[in-house]
Amino acid sequence: KDEKPKSGLISALLEPMKFIDDIVVQIR
């Protein structure tokens, strides 16, 4: 998607609440 992609791990570490909230909402 981007010319300068973020590493998957770096992306996960920089925005952890996006990942956590997604799961918590789905299993509410």
PDB file of all heavy atoms in Angstrom:
ATOM      1  N   LYS A   1       0.807  -1.218   0.000  1.00  0.00           N
ATOM      2  CA  LYS A   1       0.000   0.000   0.000  1.00  0.00           C
ATOM      3  C   LYS A   1       0.842   1.271   0.000  1.00  0.00           C
ATOM      4  O   LYS A   1       0.515   2.235  -0.661  1.00  0.00           O
ATOM      5  CB  LYS A   1      -0.927   0.031   1.211  1.00  0.00           C
ATOM      6  CG  LYS A   1      -2.095  -0.882   1.109  1.00  0.00           C
ATOM      7  CD  LYS A   1      -2.969  -0.712   2.316  1.00  0.00           C
ATOM      8  CE  LYS A   1      -4.150  -1.666   2.246  1.00  0.00           C
ATOM      9  NZ  LYS A   1      -4.983  -1.562   3.441  1.00  0.00           N
ATOM     10  N   ASP A   2       1.908   1.299   0.770  1.00  0.00           N
ATOM     11  CA  ASP A   2       2.714   2.500   0.935  1.00  0.00           C
ATOM     12  C   ASP A   2       4.078   2.317   0.289  1.00  0.00           C
ATOM     13  O   ASP A   2       4.573   1.215   0.180  1.00  0.00           O
ATOM     14  CB  ASP A   2       2.925   2.802   2.431  1.00  0.00           C
ATOM     15  CG  ASP A   2       1.614   2.969   3.166  1.00  0.00           C
ATOM     16  OD1 ASP A   2       0.716   3.634   2.642  1.00  0.00           O
ATOM     17  OD2 ASP A   2       1.518   2.416   4.274  1.00  0.00           O
ATOM     18  N   GLU A   3       4.681   3.449  -0.067  1.00  0.00           N
ATOM     19  CA  GLU A   3       6.034   3.368  -0.573  1.00  0.00           C
ATOM     20  C   GLU A   3       6.995   2.965   0.529  1.00  0.00           C
ATOM     21  O   GLU A   3       7.956   2.264   0.303  1.00  0.00           O
ATOM     22  CB  GLU A   3       6.452   4.710  -1.174  1.00  0.00           C
ATOM     23  CG  GLU A   3       5.724   5.031  -2.471  1.00  0.00           C
ATOM     24  CD  GLU A   3       6.139   6.375  -3.019  1.00  0.00           C
ATOM     25  OE1 GLU A   3       7.259   6.836  -2.734  1.00  0.00           O
ATOM     26  OE2 GLU A   3       5.332   6.967  -3.744  1.00  0.00           O
ATOM     27  N   LYS A   4       6.737   3.460   1.753  1.00  0.00           N
ATOM     28  CA  LYS A   4       7.565   3.118   2.903  1.00  0.00           C
ATOM     29  C   LYS A   4       6.698   2.394   3.924  1.00  0.00           C
ATOM     30  O   LYS A   4       6.179   3.003   4.847  1.00  0.00           O
ATOM     31  CB  LYS A   4       8.164   4.376   3.532  1.00  0.00           C
ATOM     32  CG  LYS A   4       9.187   5.063   2.683  1.00  0.00           C
ATOM     33  CD  LYS A   4       9.772   6.228   3.440  1.00  0.00           C
ATOM     34  CE  LYS A   4      10.880   6.865   2.639  1.00  0.00           C
ATOM     35  NZ  LYS A   4      11.508   7.944   3.387  1.00  0.00           N
ATOM     36  N   PRO A   5       6.511   1.086   3.766  1.00  0.00           N
ATOM     37  CA  PRO A   5       5.637   0.362   4.688  1.00  0.00           C
ATOM     38  C   PRO A   5       6.244   0.245   6.075  1.00  0.00           C
ATOM     39  O   PRO A   5       7.457   0.193   6.228  1.00  0.00           O
ATOM     40  CB  PRO A   5       5.504  -1.021   4.048  1.00  0.00           C
ATOM     41  CG  PRO A   5       6.752  -1.170   3.256  1.00  0.00           C
ATOM     42  CD  PRO A   5       7.117   0.211   2.773  1.00  0.00           C
ATOM     43  N   LYS A   6       5.376   0.215   7.076  1.00  0.00           N
ATOM     44  CA  LYS A   6       5.813  -0.045   8.446  1.00  0.00           C
ATOM     45  C   LYS A   6       6.008  -1.539   8.604  1.00  0.00           C
ATOM     46  O   LYS A   6       5.288  -2.334   8.021  1.00  0.00           O
ATOM     47  CB  LYS A   6       4.734   0.396   9.442  1.00  0.00           C
ATOM     48  CG  LYS A   6       4.512   1.863   9.529  1.00  0.00           C
ATOM     49  CD  LYS A   6       3.441   2.107  10.576  1.00  0.00           C
ATOM     50  CE  LYS A   6       3.040   3.556  10.596  1.00  0.00           C
ATOM     51  NZ  LYS A   6       1.942   3.796  11.531  1.00  0.00           N
ATOM     52  N   SER A   7       6.955  -1.900   9.420  1.00  0.00           N
ATOM     53  CA  SER A   7       7.105  -3.301   9.771  1.00  0.00           C
ATOM     54  C   SER A   7       5.862  -3.733  10.533  1.00  0.00           C
ATOM     55  O   SER A   7       5.305  -2.963  11.305  1.00  0.00           O
ATOM     56  CB  SER A   7       8.337  -3.473  10.646  1.00  0.00           C
ATOM     57  OG  SER A   7       8.284  -4.687  11.340  1.00  0.00           O
ATOM     58  N   GLY A   8       5.394  -4.960  10.320  1.00  0.00           N
ATOM     59  CA  GLY A   8       4.220  -5.450  11.026  1.00  0.00           C
ATOM     60  C   GLY A   8       4.376  -5.346  12.528  1.00  0.00           C
ATOM     61  O   GLY A   8       3.480  -4.913  13.234  1.00  0.00           O
ATOM     62  N   LEU A   9       5.552  -5.702  13.034  1.00  0.00           N
ATOM     63  CA  LEU A   9       5.783  -5.649  14.470  1.00  0.00           C
ATOM     64  C   LEU A   9       5.779  -4.208  14.968  1.00  0.00           C
ATOM     65  O   LEU A   9       5.186  -3.899  16.002  1.00  0.00           O
ATOM     66  CB  LEU A   9       7.103  -6.330  14.827  1.00  0.00           C
ATOM     67  CG  LEU A   9       7.464  -6.336  16.299  1.00  0.00           C
ATOM     68  CD1 LEU A   9       6.371  -7.017  17.115  1.00  0.00           C
ATOM     69  CD2 LEU A   9       8.794  -7.021  16.515  1.00  0.00           C
ATOM     70  N   ILE A  10       6.410  -3.309  14.243  1.00  0.00           N
ATOM     71  CA  ILE A  10       6.434  -1.903  14.656  1.00  0.00           C
ATOM     72  C   ILE A  10       5.028  -1.338  14.666  1.00  0.00           C
ATOM     73  O   ILE A  10       4.624  -0.648  15.601  1.00  0.00           O
ATOM     74  CB  ILE A  10       7.364  -1.073  13.738  1.00  0.00           C
ATOM     75  CG1 ILE A  10       8.814  -1.483  13.980  1.00  0.00           C
ATOM     76  CG2 ILE A  10       7.178   0.415  13.988  1.00  0.00           C
ATOM     77  CD1 ILE A  10       9.802  -0.879  13.013  1.00  0.00           C
ATOM     78  N   SER A  11       4.255  -1.645  13.644  1.00  0.00           N
ATOM     79  CA  SER A  11       2.867  -1.184  13.585  1.00  0.00           C
ATOM     80  C   SER A  11       2.077  -1.688  14.786  1.00  0.00           C
ATOM     81  O   SER A  11       1.327  -0.943  15.413  1.00  0.00           O
ATOM     82  CB  SER A  11       2.219  -1.677  12.288  1.00  0.00           C
ATOM     83  OG  SER A  11       0.864  -1.360  12.256  1.00  0.00           O
ATOM     84  N   ALA A  12       2.257  -2.937  15.128  1.00  0.00           N
ATOM     85  CA  ALA A  12       1.533  -3.523  16.262  1.00  0.00           C
ATOM     86  C   ALA A  12       1.943  -2.877  17.572  1.00  0.00           C
ATOM     87  O   ALA A  12       1.116  -2.648  18.448  1.00  0.00           O
ATOM     88  CB  ALA A  12       1.786  -5.026  16.320  1.00  0.00           C
ATOM     89  N   LEU A  13       3.210  -2.562  17.713  1.00  0.00           N
ATOM     90  CA  LEU A  13       3.684  -1.956  18.953  1.00  0.00           C
ATOM     91  C   LEU A  13       3.278  -0.490  19.081  1.00  0.00           C
ATOM     92  O   LEU A  13       3.063   0.006  20.185  1.00  0.00           O
ATOM     93  CB  LEU A  13       5.207  -2.089  19.059  1.00  0.00           C
ATOM     94  CG  LEU A  13       5.724  -3.522  19.194  1.00  0.00           C
ATOM     95  CD1 LEU A  13       7.239  -3.552  19.152  1.00  0.00           C
ATOM     96  CD2 LEU A  13       5.207  -4.163  20.466  1.00  0.00           C
ATOM     97  N   LEU A  14       3.177   0.207  17.943  1.00  0.00           N
ATOM     98  CA  LEU A  14       2.811   1.625  17.980  1.00  0.00           C
ATOM     99  C   LEU A  14       1.322   1.854  18.222  1.00  0.00           C
ATOM    100  O   LEU A  14       0.935   2.884  18.755  1.00  0.00           O
ATOM    101  CB  LEU A  14       3.231   2.316  16.677  1.00  0.00           C
ATOM    102  CG  LEU A  14       4.735   2.464  16.462  1.00  0.00           C
ATOM    103  CD1 LEU A  14       5.005   3.064  15.084  1.00  0.00           C
ATOM    104  CD2 LEU A  14       5.355   3.315  17.554  1.00  0.00           C
ATOM    105  N   GLU A  15       0.487   0.918  17.809  1.00  0.00           N
ATOM    106  CA  GLU A  15      -0.966   1.092  17.920  1.00  0.00           C
ATOM    107  C   GLU A  15      -1.634  -0.133  18.543  1.00  0.00           C
ATOM    108  O   GLU A  15      -2.542  -0.711  17.962  1.00  0.00           O
ATOM    109  CB  GLU A  15      -1.551   1.374  16.539  1.00  0.00           C
ATOM    110  CG  GLU A  15      -0.936   2.604  15.895  1.00  0.00           C
ATOM    111  CD  GLU A  15      -1.420   2.817  14.470  1.00  0.00           C
ATOM    112  OE1 GLU A  15      -1.476   1.848  13.700  1.00  0.00           O
ATOM    113  OE2 GLU A  15      -1.745   3.960  14.164  1.00  0.00           O
ATOM    114  N   PRO A  16      -1.228  -0.522  19.743  1.00  0.00           N
ATOM    115  CA  PRO A  16      -1.759  -1.764  20.317  1.00  0.00           C
ATOM    116  C   PRO A  16      -3.259  -1.741  20.583  1.00  0.00           C
ATOM    117  O   PRO A  16      -3.917  -2.769  20.457  1.00  0.00           O
ATOM    118  CB  PRO A  16      -0.979  -1.913  21.630  1.00  0.00           C
ATOM    119  CG  PRO A  16      -0.542  -0.540  21.971  1.00  0.00           C
ATOM    120  CD  PRO A  16      -0.309   0.139  20.654  1.00  0.00           C
ATOM    121  N   MET A  17      -3.811  -0.606  20.956  1.00  0.00           N
ATOM    122  CA  MET A  17      -5.230  -0.571  21.308  1.00  0.00           C
ATOM    123  C   MET A  17      -6.130  -0.847  20.109  1.00  0.00           C
ATOM    124  O   MET A  17      -7.237  -1.346  20.275  1.00  0.00           O
ATOM    125  CB  MET A  17      -5.598   0.734  21.990  1.00  0.00           C
ATOM    126  CG  MET A  17      -4.999   0.852  23.400  1.00  0.00           C
ATOM    127  SD  MET A  17      -5.193  -0.626  24.439  1.00  0.00           S
ATOM    128  CE  MET A  17      -6.944  -0.689  24.641  1.00  0.00           C
ATOM    129  N   LYS A  18      -5.680  -0.567  18.899  1.00  0.00           N
ATOM    130  CA  LYS A  18      -6.465  -0.910  17.712  1.00  0.00           C
ATOM    131  C   LYS A  18      -6.698  -2.420  17.656  1.00  0.00           C
ATOM    132  O   LYS A  18      -7.784  -2.886  17.387  1.00  0.00           O
ATOM    133  CB  LYS A  18      -5.746  -0.478  16.431  1.00  0.00           C
ATOM    134  CG  LYS A  18      -5.948   0.941  16.037  1.00  0.00           C
ATOM    135  CD  LYS A  18      -5.305   1.129  14.685  1.00  0.00           C
ATOM    136  CE  LYS A  18      -5.717   2.398  14.030  1.00  0.00           C
ATOM    137  NZ  LYS A  18      -5.113   2.533  12.698  1.00  0.00           N
ATOM    138  N   PHE A  19      -5.639  -3.171  17.909  1.00  0.00           N
ATOM    139  CA  PHE A  19      -5.718  -4.628  17.863  1.00  0.00           C
ATOM    140  C   PHE A  19      -6.572  -5.157  19.007  1.00  0.00           C
ATOM    141  O   PHE A  19      -7.423  -6.010  18.817  1.00  0.00           O
ATOM    142  CB  PHE A  19      -4.314  -5.233  17.939  1.00  0.00           C
ATOM    143  CG  PHE A  19      -3.454  -4.885  16.766  1.00  0.00           C
ATOM    144  CD1 PHE A  19      -2.710  -3.727  16.762  1.00  0.00           C
ATOM    145  CD2 PHE A  19      -3.395  -5.716  15.664  1.00  0.00           C
ATOM    146  CE1 PHE A  19      -1.918  -3.393  15.675  1.00  0.00           C
ATOM    147  CE2 PHE A  19      -2.614  -5.391  14.578  1.00  0.00           C
ATOM    148  CZ  PHE A  19      -1.870  -4.228  14.581  1.00  0.00           C
ATOM    149  N   ILE A  20      -6.306  -4.664  20.188  1.00  0.00           N
ATOM    150  CA  ILE A  20      -7.010  -5.137  21.379  1.00  0.00           C
ATOM    151  C   ILE A  20      -8.493  -4.797  21.303  1.00  0.00           C
ATOM    152  O   ILE A  20      -9.352  -5.640  21.552  1.00  0.00           O
ATOM    153  CB  ILE A  20      -6.355  -4.561  22.641  1.00  0.00           C
ATOM    154  CG1 ILE A  20      -4.927  -5.113  22.775  1.00  0.00           C
ATOM    155  CG2 ILE A  20      -7.186  -4.863  23.881  1.00  0.00           C
ATOM    156  CD1 ILE A  20      -4.053  -4.365  23.756  1.00  0.00           C
ATOM    157  N   ASP A  21      -8.814  -3.551  20.952  1.00  0.00           N
ATOM    158  CA  ASP A  21     -10.218  -3.131  20.862  1.00  0.00           C
ATOM    159  C   ASP A  21     -10.984  -3.943  19.829  1.00  0.00           C
ATOM    160  O   ASP A  21     -12.139  -4.292  20.043  1.00  0.00           O
ATOM    161  CB  ASP A  21     -10.325  -1.640  20.518  1.00  0.00           C
ATOM    162  CG  ASP A  21      -9.939  -0.743  21.678  1.00  0.00           C
ATOM    163  OD1 ASP A  21      -9.861  -1.233  22.822  1.00  0.00           O
ATOM    164  OD2 ASP A  21      -9.703   0.459  21.437  1.00  0.00           O
ATOM    165  N   ASP A  22     -10.350  -4.256  18.707  1.00  0.00           N
ATOM    166  CA  ASP A  22     -11.004  -5.042  17.654  1.00  0.00           C
ATOM    167  C   ASP A  22     -11.464  -6.388  18.198  1.00  0.00           C
ATOM    168  O   ASP A  22     -12.596  -6.808  17.977  1.00  0.00           O
ATOM    169  CB  ASP A  22     -10.044  -5.235  16.481  1.00  0.00           C
ATOM    170  CG  ASP A  22     -10.605  -6.152  15.405  1.00  0.00           C
ATOM    171  OD1 ASP A  22     -11.737  -5.912  14.942  1.00  0.00           O
ATOM    172  OD2 ASP A  22      -9.910  -7.114  15.029  1.00  0.00           O
ATOM    173  N   ILE A  23     -10.608  -7.043  18.931  1.00  0.00           N
ATOM    174  CA  ILE A  23     -10.946  -8.362  19.484  1.00  0.00           C
ATOM    175  C   ILE A  23     -12.018  -8.248  20.554  1.00  0.00           C
ATOM    176  O   ILE A  23     -13.004  -8.982  20.549  1.00  0.00           O
ATOM    177  CB  ILE A  23      -9.678  -9.037  20.030  1.00  0.00           C
ATOM    178  CG1 ILE A  23      -8.748  -9.359  18.865  1.00  0.00           C
ATOM    179  CG2 ILE A  23     -10.020 -10.289  20.830  1.00  0.00           C
ATOM    180  CD1 ILE A  23      -7.349  -9.731  19.273  1.00  0.00           C
ATOM    181  N   VAL A  24     -11.833  -7.319  21.482  1.00  0.00           N
ATOM    182  CA  VAL A  24     -12.773  -7.169  22.592  1.00  0.00           C
ATOM    183  C   VAL A  24     -14.175  -6.836  22.079  1.00  0.00           C
ATOM    184  O   VAL A  24     -15.168  -7.373  22.566  1.00  0.00           O
ATOM    185  CB  VAL A  24     -12.258  -6.128  23.610  1.00  0.00           C
ATOM    186  CG1 VAL A  24     -13.299  -5.821  24.663  1.00  0.00           C
ATOM    187  CG2 VAL A  24     -10.970  -6.631  24.259  1.00  0.00           C
ATOM    188  N   VAL A  25     -14.272  -5.986  21.077  1.00  0.00           N
ATOM    189  CA  VAL A  25     -15.580  -5.634  20.506  1.00  0.00           C
ATOM    190  C   VAL A  25     -16.243  -6.860  19.875  1.00  0.00           C
ATOM    191  O   VAL A  25     -17.428  -7.090  20.056  1.00  0.00           O
ATOM    192  CB  VAL A  25     -15.434  -4.490  19.470  1.00  0.00           C
ATOM    193  CG1 VAL A  25     -16.680  -4.351  18.616  1.00  0.00           C
ATOM    194  CG2 VAL A  25     -15.124  -3.175  20.176  1.00  0.00           C
ATOM    195  N   GLN A  26     -15.468  -7.671  19.156  1.00  0.00           N
ATOM    196  CA  GLN A  26     -16.043  -8.841  18.486  1.00  0.00           C
ATOM    197  C   GLN A  26     -16.534  -9.919  19.439  1.00  0.00           C
ATOM    198  O   GLN A  26     -17.425 -10.694  19.090  1.00  0.00           O
ATOM    199  CB  GLN A  26     -15.026  -9.453  17.520  1.00  0.00           C
ATOM    200  CG  GLN A  26     -14.790  -8.615  16.290  1.00  0.00           C
ATOM    201  CD  GLN A  26     -14.058  -9.402  15.249  1.00  0.00           C
ATOM    202  OE1 GLN A  26     -14.540 -10.451  14.810  1.00  0.00           O
ATOM    203  NE2 GLN A  26     -12.899  -8.928  14.841  1.00  0.00           N
ATOM    204  N   ILE A  27     -15.977  -9.969  20.627  1.00  0.00           N
ATOM    205  CA  ILE A  27     -16.391 -11.025  21.555  1.00  0.00           C
ATOM    206  C   ILE A  27     -17.192 -10.473  22.733  1.00  0.00           C
ATOM    207  O   ILE A  27     -17.419 -11.188  23.714  1.00  0.00           O
ATOM    208  CB  ILE A  27     -15.181 -11.850  22.052  1.00  0.00           C
ATOM    209  CG1 ILE A  27     -14.141 -10.967  22.704  1.00  0.00           C
ATOM    210  CG2 ILE A  27     -14.606 -12.659  20.910  1.00  0.00           C
ATOM    211  CD1 ILE A  27     -12.953 -11.743  23.249  1.00  0.00           C
ATOM    212  N   ARG A  28     -17.636  -9.250  22.588  1.00  0.00           N
ATOM    213  CA  ARG A  28     -18.453  -8.640  23.643  1.00  0.00           C
ATOM    214  C   ARG A  28     -19.643  -9.541  23.962  1.00  0.00           C
ATOM    215  O   ARG A  28     -20.312 -10.056  23.086  1.00  0.00           O
ATOM    216  CB  ARG A  28     -18.961  -7.273  23.181  1.00  0.00           C
ATOM    217  CG  ARG A  28     -19.742  -6.548  24.265  1.00  0.00           C
ATOM    218  CD  ARG A  28     -20.095  -5.149  23.856  1.00  0.00           C
ATOM    219  NE  ARG A  28     -18.881  -4.341  23.897  1.00  0.00           N
ATOM    220  CZ  ARG A  28     -18.575  -3.418  22.989  1.00  0.00           C
ATOM    221  NH1 ARG A  28     -19.366  -3.176  21.983  1.00  0.00           N
ATOM    222  NH2 ARG A  28     -17.459  -2.722  23.099  1.00  0.00           N
TER     223      ARG A  28
END
